[in-house]
């Protein structure tokens, strides 16, 4: 099964990275869901919540204040102005 390689960083710190089945985010054009095999994309990230369905474990949420969102070859890179993991989440591997 294909999976996404996800990395989330804030302007001043590492937030989370790992393998995921799906990533959902709010962009300046609206909400977007990314699954493995998605076409390349570069979008402006709007303030809101990211949702990540990791390959193993519980859903992860990250509150972001804006930034950008890039998808290419099953790799998702999110660079946020500011980002905070939800209470139940723990930092992934780097």
N, C-alpha and C. Protein backbone atom coordinates (compact mmCIF):
# COMPACT_ATOMS: atom_id res chain seq x y z
N UNK A 1 0.84 -1.18 0.00
CA UNK A 1 0.00 0.00 0.00
C UNK A 1 0.88 1.25 0.00
N UNK A 2 0.56 2.21 -0.85
CA UNK A 2 1.31 3.46 -0.90
C UNK A 2 0.99 4.31 0.32
N UNK A 3 1.94 5.11 0.69
CA UNK A 3 1.74 6.00 1.83
C UNK A 3 2.41 7.33 1.55
N UNK A 4 2.04 8.32 2.34
CA UNK A 4 2.61 9.65 2.22
C UNK A 4 3.75 9.81 3.21
N UNK A 5 4.77 10.52 2.81
CA UNK A 5 5.85 10.91 3.71
C UNK A 5 5.55 12.37 4.08
N UNK A 6 5.27 12.62 5.35
CA UNK A 6 4.82 13.94 5.79
C UNK A 6 5.87 14.58 6.70
N UNK A 7 6.11 15.86 6.48
CA UNK A 7 6.98 16.63 7.37
C UNK A 7 6.33 17.98 7.63
N UNK A 8 6.23 18.32 8.91
CA UNK A 8 5.65 19.59 9.31
C UNK A 8 6.68 20.34 10.15
N UNK A 9 6.97 21.56 9.72
CA UNK A 9 7.88 22.41 10.48
C UNK A 9 7.24 23.79 10.64
N UNK A 10 7.58 24.43 11.75
CA UNK A 10 7.17 25.82 11.97
C UNK A 10 8.38 26.69 11.68
N UNK A 11 8.19 27.97 11.68
CA UNK A 11 9.28 28.90 11.37
C UNK A 11 10.48 28.70 12.29
N UNK A 12 10.23 28.29 13.54
CA UNK A 12 11.33 28.19 14.49
C UNK A 12 11.49 26.82 15.15
N UNK A 13 10.72 25.81 14.72
CA UNK A 13 10.89 24.49 15.34
C UNK A 13 10.28 23.37 14.47
N UNK A 14 10.82 22.16 14.68
CA UNK A 14 10.29 20.94 14.07
C UNK A 14 8.99 20.59 14.77
N UNK A 15 7.97 20.14 14.01
CA UNK A 15 6.68 19.80 14.60
C UNK A 15 6.43 18.29 14.55
N UNK A 16 6.43 17.69 13.35
CA UNK A 16 6.11 16.26 13.23
C UNK A 16 6.56 15.76 11.88
N UNK A 17 6.97 14.49 11.81
CA UNK A 17 7.18 13.83 10.52
C UNK A 17 6.88 12.36 10.68
N UNK A 18 6.49 11.73 9.59
CA UNK A 18 6.19 10.31 9.61
C UNK A 18 5.38 9.90 8.40
N UNK A 19 5.02 8.63 8.37
CA UNK A 19 4.23 8.07 7.28
C UNK A 19 2.75 8.26 7.58
N UNK A 20 1.98 8.58 6.55
CA UNK A 20 0.55 8.82 6.74
C UNK A 20 -0.27 8.25 5.59
N UNK A 21 -1.54 7.97 5.88
CA UNK A 21 -2.48 7.52 4.86
C UNK A 21 -3.21 8.70 4.22
N UNK A 22 -3.35 9.81 4.99
CA UNK A 22 -4.09 10.96 4.50
C UNK A 22 -3.69 12.20 5.29
N UNK A 23 -3.74 13.35 4.61
CA UNK A 23 -3.52 14.65 5.25
C UNK A 23 -4.63 15.58 4.79
N UNK A 24 -5.26 16.27 5.74
CA UNK A 24 -6.28 17.26 5.41
C UNK A 24 -5.82 18.60 5.95
N UNK A 25 -6.04 19.66 5.16
CA UNK A 25 -5.63 21.00 5.57
C UNK A 25 -6.56 22.03 4.97
N UNK A 26 -6.50 23.22 5.52
CA UNK A 26 -7.26 24.35 4.97
C UNK A 26 -6.27 25.24 4.24
N UNK A 27 -6.56 25.50 2.96
CA UNK A 27 -5.72 26.39 2.16
C UNK A 27 -6.49 27.68 1.89
N UNK A 28 -5.84 28.62 1.24
CA UNK A 28 -6.52 29.88 0.91
C UNK A 28 -7.67 29.66 -0.06
N UNK A 29 -7.67 28.52 -0.78
CA UNK A 29 -8.74 28.20 -1.73
C UNK A 29 -9.80 27.26 -1.15
N UNK A 30 -9.63 26.82 0.08
CA UNK A 30 -10.58 25.92 0.72
C UNK A 30 -9.89 24.70 1.29
N UNK A 31 -10.68 23.77 1.82
CA UNK A 31 -10.12 22.57 2.44
C UNK A 31 -9.67 21.57 1.38
N UNK A 32 -8.56 20.87 1.68
CA UNK A 32 -8.02 19.89 0.74
C UNK A 32 -7.65 18.63 1.49
N UNK A 33 -7.85 17.49 0.84
CA UNK A 33 -7.44 16.20 1.37
C UNK A 33 -6.43 15.59 0.43
N UNK A 34 -5.35 15.07 0.99
CA UNK A 34 -4.28 14.49 0.18
C UNK A 34 -4.18 13.00 0.49
N UNK A 35 -4.25 12.18 -0.54
CA UNK A 35 -4.06 10.74 -0.44
C UNK A 35 -2.84 10.36 -1.27
N UNK A 36 -2.25 9.18 -1.05
CA UNK A 36 -1.13 8.76 -1.88
C UNK A 36 -1.50 8.83 -3.37
N UNK A 37 -0.54 9.26 -4.18
CA UNK A 37 -0.77 9.38 -5.61
C UNK A 37 -1.32 10.73 -6.04
N UNK A 38 -1.50 11.67 -5.11
CA UNK A 38 -2.04 13.00 -5.45
C UNK A 38 -1.10 13.71 -6.40
N UNK A 39 -1.66 14.50 -7.30
CA UNK A 39 -0.84 15.27 -8.24
C UNK A 39 -0.06 16.35 -7.49
N UNK A 40 1.06 16.81 -8.06
CA UNK A 40 1.85 17.85 -7.40
C UNK A 40 1.02 19.10 -7.13
N UNK A 41 1.32 19.75 -6.02
CA UNK A 41 0.52 20.90 -5.58
C UNK A 41 1.37 21.81 -4.72
N UNK A 42 1.18 23.10 -4.85
CA UNK A 42 1.76 24.09 -3.96
C UNK A 42 0.64 25.04 -3.61
N UNK A 43 0.35 25.19 -2.32
CA UNK A 43 -0.78 26.01 -1.89
C UNK A 43 -0.40 26.85 -0.68
N UNK A 44 -1.11 27.95 -0.52
CA UNK A 44 -0.96 28.79 0.67
C UNK A 44 -1.82 28.18 1.77
N UNK A 45 -1.21 27.96 2.91
CA UNK A 45 -1.89 27.35 4.05
C UNK A 45 -2.63 28.43 4.83
N UNK A 46 -3.91 28.22 5.08
CA UNK A 46 -4.71 29.17 5.85
C UNK A 46 -4.67 28.79 7.33
N UNK A 47 -5.02 29.73 8.17
CA UNK A 47 -5.10 29.45 9.60
C UNK A 47 -6.17 28.40 9.84
N UNK A 48 -5.86 27.44 10.69
CA UNK A 48 -6.83 26.39 10.99
C UNK A 48 -6.14 25.15 11.53
N UNK A 49 -6.76 24.01 11.27
CA UNK A 49 -6.26 22.75 11.81
C UNK A 49 -5.91 21.78 10.70
N UNK A 50 -4.73 21.17 10.82
CA UNK A 50 -4.33 20.07 9.95
C UNK A 50 -4.79 18.78 10.60
N UNK A 51 -5.17 17.80 9.82
CA UNK A 51 -5.50 16.47 10.34
C UNK A 51 -4.66 15.46 9.58
N UNK A 52 -3.99 14.60 10.32
CA UNK A 52 -3.12 13.59 9.72
C UNK A 52 -3.58 12.22 10.20
N UNK A 53 -3.79 11.30 9.25
CA UNK A 53 -4.10 9.91 9.58
C UNK A 53 -2.81 9.12 9.39
N UNK A 54 -2.05 8.91 10.48
CA UNK A 54 -0.79 8.18 10.33
C UNK A 54 -1.03 6.72 9.95
N UNK A 55 0.00 6.08 9.39
CA UNK A 55 -0.11 4.68 9.01
C UNK A 55 -0.42 3.83 10.24
N UNK A 56 0.19 4.17 11.36
CA UNK A 56 -0.13 3.48 12.61
C UNK A 56 -0.35 4.52 13.71
N UNK A 57 -1.30 4.26 14.56
CA UNK A 57 -1.58 5.19 15.64
C UNK A 57 -2.84 6.00 15.39
N UNK A 58 -3.10 6.90 16.33
CA UNK A 58 -4.31 7.71 16.28
C UNK A 58 -4.12 8.96 15.43
N UNK A 59 -5.25 9.54 15.05
CA UNK A 59 -5.27 10.77 14.26
C UNK A 59 -4.50 11.86 14.99
N UNK A 60 -3.76 12.65 14.23
CA UNK A 60 -2.96 13.74 14.77
C UNK A 60 -3.54 15.05 14.27
N UNK A 61 -3.68 16.03 15.15
CA UNK A 61 -4.12 17.36 14.74
C UNK A 61 -3.03 18.36 15.06
N UNK A 62 -2.92 19.35 14.20
CA UNK A 62 -1.93 20.41 14.37
C UNK A 62 -2.62 21.74 14.06
N UNK A 63 -2.58 22.67 15.01
CA UNK A 63 -3.12 24.01 14.78
C UNK A 63 -2.04 24.84 14.12
N UNK A 64 -2.38 25.50 13.01
CA UNK A 64 -1.41 26.32 12.27
C UNK A 64 -1.95 27.73 12.06
N UNK A 65 -1.02 28.67 11.93
CA UNK A 65 -1.39 30.08 11.72
C UNK A 65 -1.21 30.55 10.28
N UNK A 66 -0.88 29.65 9.38
CA UNK A 66 -0.62 30.01 7.99
C UNK A 66 0.72 29.45 7.56
N UNK A 67 1.04 29.61 6.30
CA UNK A 67 2.30 29.10 5.77
C UNK A 67 2.09 28.58 4.37
N UNK A 68 2.78 27.48 4.02
CA UNK A 68 2.52 26.87 2.73
C UNK A 68 2.53 25.35 2.81
N UNK A 69 1.97 24.74 1.78
CA UNK A 69 1.66 23.32 1.73
C UNK A 69 2.13 22.81 0.37
N UNK A 70 3.02 21.82 0.37
CA UNK A 70 3.58 21.30 -0.89
C UNK A 70 3.38 19.79 -0.96
N UNK A 71 2.99 19.30 -2.15
CA UNK A 71 2.83 17.86 -2.38
C UNK A 71 3.57 17.52 -3.67
N UNK A 72 4.42 16.47 -3.61
CA UNK A 72 5.11 16.00 -4.80
C UNK A 72 5.63 14.59 -4.53
N UNK A 73 5.31 13.65 -5.40
CA UNK A 73 5.78 12.26 -5.30
C UNK A 73 5.51 11.63 -3.93
N UNK A 74 4.28 11.75 -3.44
CA UNK A 74 3.86 11.19 -2.15
C UNK A 74 4.61 11.79 -0.97
N UNK A 75 5.19 12.97 -1.15
CA UNK A 75 5.85 13.68 -0.06
C UNK A 75 5.08 14.98 0.18
N UNK A 76 4.65 15.17 1.43
CA UNK A 76 3.91 16.36 1.83
C UNK A 76 4.79 17.15 2.78
N UNK A 77 5.07 18.39 2.43
CA UNK A 77 5.87 19.28 3.28
C UNK A 77 5.00 20.47 3.64
N UNK A 78 4.86 20.70 4.94
CA UNK A 78 4.07 21.81 5.43
C UNK A 78 4.99 22.70 6.24
N UNK A 79 5.12 23.96 5.81
CA UNK A 79 5.91 24.94 6.53
C UNK A 79 4.94 25.99 7.04
N UNK A 80 4.77 26.02 8.36
CA UNK A 80 3.80 26.91 8.98
C UNK A 80 4.50 28.08 9.65
N UNK A 81 3.80 29.21 9.70
CA UNK A 81 4.32 30.36 10.44
C UNK A 81 4.45 29.98 11.91
N UNK A 82 3.44 29.33 12.43
CA UNK A 82 3.42 28.83 13.81
C UNK A 82 2.57 27.58 13.81
N UNK A 83 2.99 26.56 14.56
CA UNK A 83 2.25 25.30 14.60
C UNK A 83 2.34 24.69 15.98
N UNK A 84 1.23 24.09 16.42
CA UNK A 84 1.16 23.46 17.74
C UNK A 84 0.43 22.13 17.61
N UNK A 85 1.10 21.03 18.02
CA UNK A 85 0.46 19.72 18.02
C UNK A 85 -0.72 19.70 18.98
N UNK A 86 -1.76 18.92 18.61
CA UNK A 86 -2.89 18.73 19.50
C UNK A 86 -2.45 18.03 20.78
N UNK A 87 -3.25 18.08 21.82
CA UNK A 87 -2.91 17.54 23.14
C UNK A 87 -2.51 16.07 23.12
N UNK A 88 -3.19 15.26 22.33
CA UNK A 88 -2.94 13.81 22.35
C UNK A 88 -1.77 13.39 21.47
N UNK A 89 -1.26 14.31 20.66
CA UNK A 89 -0.21 13.96 19.70
C UNK A 89 1.17 14.06 20.32
N UNK A 90 2.06 13.25 19.80
CA UNK A 90 3.47 13.34 20.17
C UNK A 90 4.28 13.55 18.91
N UNK A 91 5.40 14.17 19.05
CA UNK A 91 6.25 14.45 17.89
C UNK A 91 6.68 13.16 17.23
N UNK A 92 6.64 13.15 15.92
CA UNK A 92 7.08 11.97 15.15
C UNK A 92 8.58 11.97 15.02
N UNK A 93 9.07 11.05 14.23
CA UNK A 93 10.51 10.94 14.01
C UNK A 93 10.97 12.03 13.05
N UNK A 94 12.23 12.37 13.12
CA UNK A 94 12.74 13.37 12.20
C UNK A 94 13.74 12.77 11.29
